Amino acid sequence: MWYSASVLLRGETTGQGSSGTLWTETVFLVRAETEKDAHDKARKLGVQQETVHRSVTGRRFDWKFDTILSVFPLFEDTITDGTTLFSRHLSDTEVQSLKSTLGDENKP
């Protein structure tokens, strides 16, 4: 069975002038026999996304696996063009957050 698995990674800078935490949500398509197997695969995929980068000024930026947000069965044996991979209900506050871009909080 196919599953849609959403994982959350936390990005942090270290050193003087660090700007705090940045988050990324990634949705993976996984094939698994059970939801537990899909969950295990999602965790492995999330951990594989962990990386360390250096800026041009030498500042370190780490992406670390944080958590699995969701694992949803797709109920489709054949994935084709237009297959829904992820869907959720949102509150007004969540929609406003999704519509904002990084850096908007500094704009008047």
C-alpha atoms as a PDB file:
ATOM      1  CA  MET A   1       0.000   0.000   0.000  1.00  0.00           C
ATOM      2  CA  TRP A   2       1.117   3.554  -0.674  1.00  0.00           C
ATOM      3  CA  TYR A   3       1.370   6.126   2.135  1.00  0.00           C
ATOM      4  CA  SER A   4       1.960   9.844   2.296  1.00  0.00           C
ATOM      5  CA  ALA A   5       4.377  10.601   5.141  1.00  0.00           C
ATOM      6  CA  SER A   6       5.046  14.125   6.365  1.00  0.00           C
ATOM      7  CA  VAL A   7       8.226  14.799   8.355  1.00  0.00           C
ATOM      8  CA  LEU A   8       9.480  17.936  10.071  1.00  0.00           C
ATOM      9  CA  LEU A   9      13.096  19.065  10.083  1.00  0.00           C
ATOM     10  CA  ARG A  10      14.547  21.824  12.260  1.00  0.00           C
ATOM     11  CA  GLY A  11      17.245  24.094  10.874  1.00  0.00           C
ATOM     12  CA  GLU A  12      19.467  25.978  13.277  1.00  0.00           C
ATOM     13  CA  THR A  13      22.361  28.348  12.883  1.00  0.00           C
ATOM     14  CA  THR A  14      25.065  28.634  15.461  1.00  0.00           C
ATOM     15  CA  GLY A  15      27.430  31.392  16.356  1.00  0.00           C
ATOM     16  CA  GLN A  16      27.243  35.144  16.600  1.00  0.00           C
ATOM     17  CA  GLY A  17      24.341  36.731  14.763  1.00  0.00           C
ATOM     18  CA  SER A  18      22.383  33.498  14.403  1.00  0.00           C
ATOM     19  CA  SER A  19      18.809  34.122  13.338  1.00  0.00           C
ATOM     20  CA  GLY A  20      17.136  31.304  15.244  1.00  0.00           C
ATOM     21  CA  THR A  21      15.275  28.281  13.991  1.00  0.00           C
ATOM     22  CA  LEU A  22      13.917  27.535  10.527  1.00  0.00           C
ATOM     23  CA  TRP A  23      11.571  24.601   9.890  1.00  0.00           C
ATOM     24  CA  THR A  24      10.842  22.534   6.803  1.00  0.00           C
ATOM     25  CA  GLU A  25       8.047  20.060   6.215  1.00  0.00           C
ATOM     26  CA  THR A  26       8.685  17.365   3.615  1.00  0.00           C
ATOM     27  CA  VAL A  27       6.057  14.940   2.321  1.00  0.00           C
ATOM     28  CA  PHE A  28       7.375  11.576   1.131  1.00  0.00           C
ATOM     29  CA  LEU A  29       5.601   8.911  -0.885  1.00  0.00           C
ATOM     30  CA  VAL A  30       6.357   5.526   0.682  1.00  0.00           C
ATOM     31  CA  ARG A  31       5.273   1.997  -0.109  1.00  0.00           C
ATOM     32  CA  ALA A  32       4.811  -0.263   2.915  1.00  0.00           C
ATOM     33  CA  GLU A  33       2.873  -3.310   4.074  1.00  0.00           C
ATOM     34  CA  THR A  34       1.579  -1.629   7.254  1.00  0.00           C
ATOM     35  CA  GLU A  35       1.217   1.863   8.681  1.00  0.00           C
ATOM     36  CA  LYS A  36       3.950   1.041  11.214  1.00  0.00           C
ATOM     37  CA  ASP A  37       6.289   0.087   8.337  1.00  0.00           C
ATOM     38  CA  ALA A  38       5.420   3.373   6.597  1.00  0.00           C
ATOM     39  CA  HIS A  39       6.162   5.238   9.845  1.00  0.00           C
ATOM     40  CA  ASP A  40       9.550   3.494  10.133  1.00  0.00           C
ATOM     41  CA  LYS A  41      10.400   4.348   6.513  1.00  0.00           C
ATOM     42  CA  ALA A  42       9.369   7.976   7.073  1.00  0.00           C
ATOM     43  CA  ARG A  43      11.692   8.219  10.085  1.00  0.00           C
ATOM     44  CA  LYS A  44      14.604   6.801   8.052  1.00  0.00           C
ATOM     45  CA  LEU A  45      13.901   9.227   5.192  1.00  0.00           C
ATOM     46  CA  GLY A  46      13.730  12.132   7.636  1.00  0.00           C
ATOM     47  CA  VAL A  47      17.036  11.218   9.262  1.00  0.00           C
ATOM     48  CA  GLN A  48      18.607  10.894   5.787  1.00  0.00           C
ATOM     49  CA  GLN A  49      17.682  14.556   5.189  1.00  0.00           C
ATOM     50  CA  GLU A  50      19.934  15.710   8.034  1.00  0.00           C
ATOM     51  CA  THR A  51      22.750  17.869   6.689  1.00  0.00           C
ATOM     52  CA  VAL A  52      25.259  20.491   7.775  1.00  0.00           C
ATOM     53  CA  HIS A  53      26.012  23.552   5.662  1.00  0.00           C
ATOM     54  CA  ARG A  54      28.507  26.385   6.019  1.00  0.00           C
ATOM     55  CA  SER A  55      27.676  29.900   4.917  1.00  0.00           C
ATOM     56  CA  VAL A  56      30.193  32.051   3.037  1.00  0.00           C
ATOM     57  CA  THR A  57      31.079  33.607   6.401  1.00  0.00           C
ATOM     58  CA  GLY A  58      31.714  30.162   7.884  1.00  0.00           C
ATOM     59  CA  ARG A  59      28.583  30.053  10.036  1.00  0.00           C
ATOM     60  CA  ARG A  60      27.271  26.520  10.537  1.00  0.00           C
ATOM     61  CA  PHE A  61      23.649  25.649   9.658  1.00  0.00           C
ATOM     62  CA  ASP A  62      22.301  22.234  10.729  1.00  0.00           C
ATOM     63  CA  TRP A  63      19.176  20.491   9.430  1.00  0.00           C
ATOM     64  CA  LYS A  64      18.035  17.900  11.986  1.00  0.00           C
ATOM     65  CA  PHE A  65      15.128  15.463  11.871  1.00  0.00           C
ATOM     66  CA  ASP A  66      12.518  16.557  14.426  1.00  0.00           C
ATOM     67  CA  THR A  67       9.380  14.439  14.111  1.00  0.00           C
ATOM     68  CA  ILE A  68       6.919  12.661  11.870  1.00  0.00           C
ATOM     69  CA  LEU A  69       3.868  14.882  11.511  1.00  0.00           C
ATOM     70  CA  SER A  70       1.588  12.374   9.809  1.00  0.00           C
ATOM     71  CA  VAL A  71       1.349   9.121   7.893  1.00  0.00           C
ATOM     72  CA  PHE A  72      -1.734   8.700   5.676  1.00  0.00           C
ATOM     73  CA  PRO A  73      -2.750   5.668   3.610  1.00  0.00           C
ATOM     74  CA  LEU A  74      -3.482   6.631   0.001  1.00  0.00           C
ATOM     75  CA  PHE A  75      -5.943   3.798  -0.760  1.00  0.00           C
ATOM     76  CA  GLU A  76      -4.646   3.655  -4.320  1.00  0.00           C
ATOM     77  CA  ASP A  77      -2.625   0.751  -5.664  1.00  0.00           C
ATOM     78  CA  THR A  78      -1.602   2.667  -8.762  1.00  0.00           C
ATOM     79  CA  ILE A  79      -0.233   6.181  -8.432  1.00  0.00           C
ATOM     80  CA  THR A  80      -1.211   8.240 -11.476  1.00  0.00           C
ATOM     81  CA  ASP A  81      -1.299  11.874 -12.519  1.00  0.00           C
ATOM     82  CA  GLY A  82      -3.614  13.733 -10.162  1.00  0.00           C
ATOM     83  CA  THR A  83      -3.489  11.246  -7.269  1.00  0.00           C
ATOM     84  CA  THR A  84      -3.995  13.077  -3.960  1.00  0.00           C
ATOM     85  CA  LEU A  85      -0.886  12.633  -1.804  1.00  0.00           C
ATOM     86  CA  PHE A  86      -1.810  14.862   1.106  1.00  0.00           C
ATOM     87  CA  SER A  87      -4.887  16.682   2.327  1.00  0.00           C
ATOM     88  CA  ARG A  88      -5.821  18.257   5.669  1.00  0.00           C
ATOM     89  CA  HIS A  89      -8.318  20.596   7.271  1.00  0.00           C
ATOM     90  CA  LEU A  90      -6.948  23.961   8.423  1.00  0.00           C
ATOM     91  CA  SER A  91      -8.048  26.705  10.780  1.00  0.00           C
ATOM     92  CA  ASP A  92      -8.022  30.374   9.707  1.00  0.00           C
ATOM     93  CA  THR A  93      -4.843  30.912  11.732  1.00  0.00           C
ATOM     94  CA  GLU A  94      -3.067  28.032  10.003  1.00  0.00           C
ATOM     95  CA  VAL A  95      -4.064  29.360   6.571  1.00  0.00           C
ATOM     96  CA  GLN A  96      -2.717  32.819   7.395  1.00  0.00           C
ATOM     97  CA  SER A  97       0.543  31.253   8.540  1.00  0.00           C
ATOM     98  CA  LEU A  98       0.827  29.175   5.347  1.00  0.00           C
ATOM     99  CA  LYS A  99       0.112  32.207   3.160  1.00  0.00           C
ATOM    100  CA  SER A 100       2.766  34.347   4.816  1.00  0.00           C
ATOM    101  CA  THR A 101       6.305  34.201   3.520  1.00  0.00           C
ATOM    102  CA  LEU A 102       9.505  34.153   5.531  1.00  0.00           C
ATOM    103  CA  GLY A 103      10.430  37.675   6.477  1.00  0.00           C
ATOM    104  CA  ASP A 104       6.837  39.013   6.424  1.00  0.00           C
ATOM    105  CA  GLU A 105       6.962  39.475  10.189  1.00  0.00           C
ATOM    106  CA  ASN A 106       9.461  42.311   9.656  1.00  0.00           C
ATOM    107  CA  LYS A 107       7.203  44.198   7.227  1.00  0.00           C
ATOM    108  CA  PRO A 108       4.818  46.901   8.433  1.00  0.00           C
END
